[in-house]
Amino acid sequence: MLRQFPWRQLLALFLIFLVFTCLWAEAQQDRLAEEVIRLHVLANSDSAEDQALKLAVRDRVLEEARPLLASAADAGEAASVLRSHLGYLAYHAGNEIRSQGYRYPVTVALEDTWFPTRVYDNAALPAGTYQALRVVIGSGEGHNWWCVVFPSLCLPAVSESSLQTAVLSKGEVGLVTQDTPGYVFRFKTVELWETLKHTLSGPQK
């Protein structure tokens, strides 16, 4: 049968499949990115002291952000709230730094940021570009820390029920939880495509 099917047609079918797979992966990640806002905290350095400070600042920013976002109906509304309170969050982050005995400057911004895959105990977020509340302590040269500030999923383990009670749709929950049929193929497809895009676009800070 293969003799009756020229290799050019096989190649054309493969390329068509590849194009549609990439378009599907792009759409999946775009939809997921529209529903969540990540939190990205960068430490001043990798010293034990600066890494501990990073976690203290993280906790303070989350403490101040949670009541602000409590009534947000979706990621767009949450982004609007965060954008109007960037100075407020920076002020409290700075207070936490000073209370820990440091004088580092801190900046807080809401911006598109590329993230590698983040794996929790029973869920994961695929690599890709997400809107993020980005907190940079000092020179921001240390290891970073990230989670999801909206919906509030900054937990050691994210459960499927916590995702379902957030603003994610059933399809989006199915992409990030391992208990759904086809999870591995769907997730890996999105992860590989987004990682390839990021690699081809060149290094980004």
C-alpha atoms as a PDB file:
ATOM      1  CA  MET A   1       0.000   0.000   0.000  1.00  0.00           C
ATOM      2  CA  LEU A   2       2.908   2.342   0.760  1.00  0.00           C
ATOM      3  CA  ARG A   3       4.124   1.860  -2.818  1.00  0.00           C
ATOM      4  CA  GLN A   4       0.822   3.247  -4.033  1.00  0.00           C
ATOM      5  CA  PHE A   5       1.153   6.252  -1.734  1.00  0.00           C
ATOM      6  CA  PRO A   6       3.975   8.561  -2.913  1.00  0.00           C
ATOM      7  CA  TRP A   7       6.357   9.816  -0.246  1.00  0.00           C
ATOM      8  CA  ARG A   8       5.491  13.409  -1.153  1.00  0.00           C
ATOM      9  CA  GLN A   9       1.896  12.821  -0.107  1.00  0.00           C
ATOM     10  CA  LEU A  10       3.074  11.242   3.144  1.00  0.00           C
ATOM     11  CA  LEU A  11       5.291  14.256   3.792  1.00  0.00           C
ATOM     12  CA  ALA A  12       2.450  16.641   2.969  1.00  0.00           C
ATOM     13  CA  LEU A  13       0.113  14.822   5.367  1.00  0.00           C
ATOM     14  CA  PHE A  14       2.765  14.896   8.082  1.00  0.00           C
ATOM     15  CA  LEU A  15       3.324  18.628   7.613  1.00  0.00           C
ATOM     16  CA  ILE A  16      -0.426  19.294   7.721  1.00  0.00           C
ATOM     17  CA  PHE A  17      -0.680  17.249  10.919  1.00  0.00           C
ATOM     18  CA  LEU A  18       2.274  19.138  12.394  1.00  0.00           C
ATOM     19  CA  VAL A  19       0.773  22.541  11.553  1.00  0.00           C
ATOM     20  CA  PHE A  20      -2.608  21.675  13.052  1.00  0.00           C
ATOM     21  CA  THR A  21      -0.938  20.227  16.160  1.00  0.00           C
ATOM     22  CA  CYS A  22       1.060  23.428  16.672  1.00  0.00           C
ATOM     23  CA  LEU A  23      -2.025  25.595  16.156  1.00  0.00           C
ATOM     24  CA  TRP A  24      -3.945  23.466  18.656  1.00  0.00           C
ATOM     25  CA  ALA A  25      -1.136  23.673  21.222  1.00  0.00           C
ATOM     26  CA  GLU A  26      -0.925  27.448  20.776  1.00  0.00           C
ATOM     27  CA  ALA A  27      -4.678  27.836  21.288  1.00  0.00           C
ATOM     28  CA  GLN A  28      -4.646  25.609  24.387  1.00  0.00           C
ATOM     29  CA  GLN A  29      -1.869  27.552  26.098  1.00  0.00           C
ATOM     30  CA  ASP A  30      -3.358  30.915  25.076  1.00  0.00           C
ATOM     31  CA  ARG A  31      -6.713  30.015  26.633  1.00  0.00           C
ATOM     32  CA  LEU A  32      -5.072  28.833  29.829  1.00  0.00           C
ATOM     33  CA  ALA A  33      -2.875  31.937  30.005  1.00  0.00           C
ATOM     34  CA  GLU A  34      -5.966  34.140  29.716  1.00  0.00           C
ATOM     35  CA  GLU A  35      -7.408  32.609  32.881  1.00  0.00           C
ATOM     36  CA  VAL A  36      -4.471  32.781  35.296  1.00  0.00           C
ATOM     37  CA  ILE A  37      -2.026  35.345  36.667  1.00  0.00           C
ATOM     38  CA  ARG A  38       1.278  33.995  37.907  1.00  0.00           C
ATOM     39  CA  LEU A  39       3.365  35.318  40.788  1.00  0.00           C
ATOM     40  CA  HIS A  40       7.089  35.560  40.032  1.00  0.00           C
ATOM     41  CA  VAL A  41       9.475  36.540  42.832  1.00  0.00           C
ATOM     42  CA  LEU A  42      13.187  36.963  42.047  1.00  0.00           C
ATOM     43  CA  ALA A  43      15.703  36.946  44.893  1.00  0.00           C
ATOM     44  CA  ASN A  44      18.631  39.340  45.072  1.00  0.00           C
ATOM     45  CA  SER A  45      21.091  36.410  44.998  1.00  0.00           C
ATOM     46  CA  ASP A  46      21.384  32.696  45.721  1.00  0.00           C
ATOM     47  CA  SER A  47      22.760  33.161  49.232  1.00  0.00           C
ATOM     48  CA  ALA A  48      20.778  31.403  51.963  1.00  0.00           C
ATOM     49  CA  GLU A  49      19.858  34.785  53.474  1.00  0.00           C
ATOM     50  CA  ASP A  50      18.566  36.240  50.208  1.00  0.00           C
ATOM     51  CA  GLN A  51      16.614  33.083  49.409  1.00  0.00           C
ATOM     52  CA  ALA A  52      14.957  33.184  52.838  1.00  0.00           C
ATOM     53  CA  LEU A  53      14.144  36.855  52.291  1.00  0.00           C
ATOM     54  CA  LYS A  54      12.561  35.984  48.949  1.00  0.00           C
ATOM     55  CA  LEU A  55      10.111  33.632  50.682  1.00  0.00           C
ATOM     56  CA  ALA A  56       9.268  36.230  53.336  1.00  0.00           C
ATOM     57  CA  VAL A  57       8.519  38.803  50.626  1.00  0.00           C
ATOM     58  CA  ARG A  58       6.469  36.225  48.735  1.00  0.00           C
ATOM     59  CA  ASP A  59       4.343  35.576  51.821  1.00  0.00           C
ATOM     60  CA  ARG A  60       3.830  39.300  52.428  1.00  0.00           C
ATOM     61  CA  VAL A  61       2.816  39.998  48.824  1.00  0.00           C
ATOM     62  CA  LEU A  62       0.352  37.078  48.842  1.00  0.00           C
ATOM     63  CA  GLU A  63      -1.052  38.235  52.196  1.00  0.00           C
ATOM     64  CA  GLU A  64      -1.725  41.697  50.792  1.00  0.00           C
ATOM     65  CA  ALA A  65      -2.941  40.504  47.376  1.00  0.00           C
ATOM     66  CA  ARG A  66      -5.505  37.939  48.520  1.00  0.00           C
ATOM     67  CA  PRO A  67      -8.075  40.384  49.940  1.00  0.00           C
ATOM     68  CA  LEU A  68      -7.618  42.643  46.918  1.00  0.00           C
ATOM     69  CA  LEU A  69      -8.478  39.778  44.572  1.00  0.00           C
ATOM     70  CA  ALA A  70     -11.203  38.177  46.683  1.00  0.00           C
ATOM     71  CA  SER A  71     -14.044  39.611  44.585  1.00  0.00           C
ATOM     72  CA  ALA A  72     -12.361  39.427  41.170  1.00  0.00           C
ATOM     73  CA  ALA A  73     -14.560  37.458  38.770  1.00  0.00           C
ATOM     74  CA  ASP A  74     -11.906  36.664  36.175  1.00  0.00           C
ATOM     75  CA  ALA A  75      -8.262  37.213  35.289  1.00  0.00           C
ATOM     76  CA  GLY A  76      -9.005  40.455  33.458  1.00  0.00           C
ATOM     77  CA  GLU A  77     -10.624  41.972  36.524  1.00  0.00           C
ATOM     78  CA  ALA A  78      -7.840  40.605  38.728  1.00  0.00           C
ATOM     79  CA  ALA A  79      -5.211  42.180  36.460  1.00  0.00           C
ATOM     80  CA  SER A  80      -6.980  45.525  36.658  1.00  0.00           C
ATOM     81  CA  VAL A  81      -7.024  45.353  40.467  1.00  0.00           C
ATOM     82  CA  LEU A  82      -3.358  44.395  40.655  1.00  0.00           C
ATOM     83  CA  ARG A  83      -2.332  47.088  38.186  1.00  0.00           C
ATOM     84  CA  SER A  84      -3.996  49.752  40.304  1.00  0.00           C
ATOM     85  CA  HIS A  85      -2.292  48.455  43.456  1.00  0.00           C
ATOM     86  CA  LEU A  86       1.279  47.916  42.245  1.00  0.00           C
ATOM     87  CA  GLY A  87       2.553  50.777  44.400  1.00  0.00           C
ATOM     88  CA  TYR A  88       0.677  49.386  47.399  1.00  0.00           C
ATOM     89  CA  LEU A  89       2.193  45.933  46.946  1.00  0.00           C
ATOM     90  CA  ALA A  90       5.677  47.381  46.391  1.00  0.00           C
ATOM     91  CA  TYR A  91       5.305  49.417  49.583  1.00  0.00           C
ATOM     92  CA  HIS A  92       4.483  46.325  51.650  1.00  0.00           C
ATOM     93  CA  ALA A  93       7.202  44.270  49.954  1.00  0.00           C
ATOM     94  CA  GLY A  94       9.687  47.023  50.833  1.00  0.00           C
ATOM     95  CA  ASN A  95       8.469  47.101  54.427  1.00  0.00           C
ATOM     96  CA  GLU A  96       8.996  43.349  54.690  1.00  0.00           C
ATOM     97  CA  ILE A  97      12.540  43.687  53.332  1.00  0.00           C
ATOM     98  CA  ARG A  98      13.365  46.402  55.854  1.00  0.00           C
ATOM     99  CA  SER A  99      11.766  44.451  58.719  1.00  0.00           C
ATOM    100  CA  GLN A 100      14.120  41.580  57.867  1.00  0.00           C
ATOM    101  CA  GLY A 101      17.102  43.930  58.197  1.00  0.00           C
ATOM    102  CA  TYR A 102      17.875  44.541  54.502  1.00  0.00           C
ATOM    103  CA  ARG A 103      17.980  47.665  52.354  1.00  0.00           C
ATOM    104  CA  TYR A 104      17.364  46.159  48.939  1.00  0.00           C
ATOM    105  CA  PRO A 105      15.143  48.086  46.533  1.00  0.00           C
ATOM    106  CA  VAL A 106      12.139  46.191  45.204  1.00  0.00           C
ATOM    107  CA  THR A 107      10.050  46.596  42.074  1.00  0.00           C
ATOM    108  CA  VAL A 108       6.589  45.164  41.438  1.00  0.00           C
ATOM    109  CA  ALA A 109       5.156  45.035  37.923  1.00  0.00           C
ATOM    110  CA  LEU A 110       2.438  43.227  35.992  1.00  0.00           C
ATOM    111  CA  GLU A 111       3.916  41.941  32.749  1.00  0.00           C
ATOM    112  CA  ASP A 112       4.039  39.035  30.328  1.00  0.00           C
ATOM    113  CA  THR A 113       6.659  36.532  31.457  1.00  0.00           C
ATOM    114  CA  TRP A 114       7.790  33.190  30.049  1.00  0.00           C
ATOM    115  CA  PHE A 115       7.673  30.279  32.494  1.00  0.00           C
ATOM    116  CA  PRO A 116       9.013  26.748  32.200  1.00  0.00           C
ATOM    117  CA  THR A 117       6.712  23.875  33.138  1.00  0.00           C
ATOM    118  CA  ARG A 118       5.690  23.969  36.809  1.00  0.00           C
ATOM    119  CA  VAL A 119       4.827  20.577  38.318  1.00  0.00           C
ATOM    120  CA  TYR A 120       2.813  20.186  41.521  1.00  0.00           C
ATOM    121  CA  ASP A 121       1.990  16.888  43.224  1.00  0.00           C
ATOM    122  CA  ASN A 122      -0.968  16.069  41.009  1.00  0.00           C
ATOM    123  CA  ALA A 123      -1.164  18.957  38.575  1.00  0.00           C
ATOM    124  CA  ALA A 124       1.086  21.025  36.353  1.00  0.00           C
ATOM    125  CA  LEU A 125       1.076  24.203  34.295  1.00  0.00           C
ATOM    126  CA  PRO A 126       2.644  23.869  30.847  1.00  0.00           C
ATOM    127  CA  ALA A 127       5.491  26.086  29.727  1.00  0.00           C
ATOM    128  CA  GLY A 128       4.456  29.303  28.043  1.00  0.00           C
ATOM    129  CA  THR A 129       4.010  33.037  28.349  1.00  0.00           C
ATOM    130  CA  TYR A 130       1.682  34.135  31.139  1.00  0.00           C
ATOM    131  CA  GLN A 131       0.724  37.457  32.660  1.00  0.00           C
ATOM    132  CA  ALA A 132       2.615  37.691  35.936  1.00  0.00           C
ATOM    133  CA  LEU A 133       2.899  39.826  39.023  1.00  0.00           C
ATOM    134  CA  ARG A 134       6.694  40.135  38.989  1.00  0.00           C
ATOM    135  CA  VAL A 135       8.523  41.067  42.196  1.00  0.00           C
ATOM    136  CA  VAL A 136      12.244  41.773  41.810  1.00  0.00           C
ATOM    137  CA  ILE A 137      14.299  42.092  44.991  1.00  0.00           C
ATOM    138  CA  GLY A 138      17.593  43.986  44.703  1.00  0.00           C
ATOM    139  CA  SER A 139      19.506  42.897  41.612  1.00  0.00           C
ATOM    140  CA  GLY A 140      17.104  39.999  40.959  1.00  0.00           C
ATOM    141  CA  GLU A 141      20.010  37.645  40.191  1.00  0.00           C
ATOM    142  CA  GLY A 142      18.979  34.783  42.476  1.00  0.00           C
ATOM    143  CA  HIS A 143      16.788  31.770  41.916  1.00  0.00           C
ATOM    144  CA  ASN A 144      13.155  32.706  41.449  1.00  0.00           C
ATOM    145  CA  TRP A 145       9.919  31.368  42.864  1.00  0.00           C
ATOM    146  CA  TRP A 146       6.547  31.211  41.155  1.00  0.00           C
ATOM    147  CA  CYS A 147       2.952  30.107  41.645  1.00  0.00           C
ATOM    148  CA  VAL A 148      -0.510  31.277  40.580  1.00  0.00           C
ATOM    149  CA  VAL A 149      -1.780  34.403  42.324  1.00  0.00           C
ATOM    150  CA  PHE A 150      -5.134  34.314  40.488  1.00  0.00           C
ATOM    151  CA  PRO A 151      -6.941  32.062  41.011  1.00  0.00           C
ATOM    152  CA  SER A 152      -5.181  31.554  44.327  1.00  0.00           C
ATOM    153  CA  LEU A 153      -3.217  28.332  43.816  1.00  0.00           C
ATOM    154  CA  CYS A 154      -0.031  29.104  45.736  1.00  0.00           C
ATOM    155  CA  LEU A 155      -0.078  25.779  47.519  1.00  0.00           C
ATOM    156  CA  PRO A 156       2.446  22.934  47.911  1.00  0.00           C
ATOM    157  CA  ALA A 157       0.018  20.703  46.012  1.00  0.00           C
ATOM    158  CA  VAL A 158      -2.814  21.827  43.767  1.00  0.00           C
ATOM    159  CA  SER A 159      -5.848  19.538  43.803  1.00  0.00           C
ATOM    160  CA  GLU A 160      -8.276  19.017  40.943  1.00  0.00           C
ATOM    161  CA  SER A 161     -11.093  20.260  43.164  1.00  0.00           C
ATOM    162  CA  SER A 162      -9.225  23.517  43.826  1.00  0.00           C
ATOM    163  CA  LEU A 163      -8.838  24.008  40.088  1.00  0.00           C
ATOM    164  CA  GLN A 164     -12.492  23.252  39.427  1.00  0.00           C
ATOM    165  CA  THR A 165     -13.663  25.722  42.050  1.00  0.00           C
ATOM    166  CA  ALA A 166     -11.435  28.406  40.508  1.00  0.00           C
ATOM    167  CA  VAL A 167     -12.172  30.134  37.211  1.00  0.00           C
ATOM    168  CA  LEU A 168     -10.685  27.442  34.966  1.00  0.00           C
ATOM    169  CA  SER A 169     -12.999  25.666  32.567  1.00  0.00           C
ATOM    170  CA  LYS A 170     -13.344  21.881  32.473  1.00  0.00           C
ATOM    171  CA  GLY A 171     -11.108  21.742  29.408  1.00  0.00           C
ATOM    172  CA  GLU A 172      -8.425  23.875  31.051  1.00  0.00           C
ATOM    173  CA  VAL A 173      -8.567  21.744  34.197  1.00  0.00           C
ATOM    174  CA  GLY A 174      -8.164  18.721  31.952  1.00  0.00           C
ATOM    175  CA  LEU A 175      -4.951  20.136  30.554  1.00  0.00           C
ATOM    176  CA  VAL A 176      -3.269  20.619  33.927  1.00  0.00           C
ATOM    177  CA  THR A 177      -4.474  17.568  35.872  1.00  0.00           C
ATOM    178  CA  GLN A 178      -3.116  14.092  35.286  1.00  0.00           C
ATOM    179  CA  ASP A 179      -6.390  12.240  35.870  1.00  0.00           C
ATOM    180  CA  THR A 180      -7.930  13.017  32.478  1.00  0.00           C
ATOM    181  CA  PRO A 181      -7.715  10.868  29.306  1.00  0.00           C
ATOM    182  CA  GLY A 182      -4.969  11.985  26.946  1.00  0.00           C
ATOM    183  CA  TYR A 183      -3.347  14.211  29.565  1.00  0.00           C
ATOM    184  CA  VAL A 184       0.233  13.187  28.782  1.00  0.00           C
ATOM    185  CA  PHE A 185      -0.096  13.696  25.026  1.00  0.00           C
ATOM    186  CA  ARG A 186      -1.992  16.969  25.324  1.00  0.00           C
ATOM    187  CA  PHE A 187       0.256  18.403  28.019  1.00  0.00           C
ATOM    188  CA  LYS A 188       3.518  17.340  26.381  1.00  0.00           C
ATOM    189  CA  THR A 189       2.379  18.724  23.030  1.00  0.00           C
ATOM    190  CA  VAL A 190       1.742  22.160  24.549  1.00  0.00           C
ATOM    191  CA  GLU A 191       4.946  22.006  26.601  1.00  0.00           C
ATOM    192  CA  LEU A 192       7.162  21.062  23.630  1.00  0.00           C
ATOM    193  CA  TRP A 193       5.622  23.671  21.337  1.00  0.00           C
ATOM    194  CA  GLU A 194       5.899  26.504  23.858  1.00  0.00           C
ATOM    195  CA  THR A 195       9.466  25.551  24.774  1.00  0.00           C
ATOM    196  CA  LEU A 196      10.444  25.430  21.100  1.00  0.00           C
ATOM    197  CA  LYS A 197       8.917  28.868  20.495  1.00  0.00           C
ATOM    198  CA  HIS A 198      10.777  30.302  23.472  1.00  0.00           C
ATOM    199  CA  THR A 199      14.070  28.764  22.365  1.00  0.00           C
ATOM    200  CA  LEU A 200      13.724  30.078  18.808  1.00  0.00           C
ATOM    201  CA  SER A 201      12.833  33.565  20.063  1.00  0.00           C
ATOM    202  CA  GLY A 202      16.210  33.859  21.796  1.00  0.00           C
ATOM    203  CA  PRO A 203      17.203  34.373  25.439  1.00  0.00           C
ATOM    204  CA  GLN A 204      14.916  36.518  27.557  1.00  0.00           C
ATOM    205  CA  LYS A 205      15.347  37.768  31.120  1.00  0.00           C
END
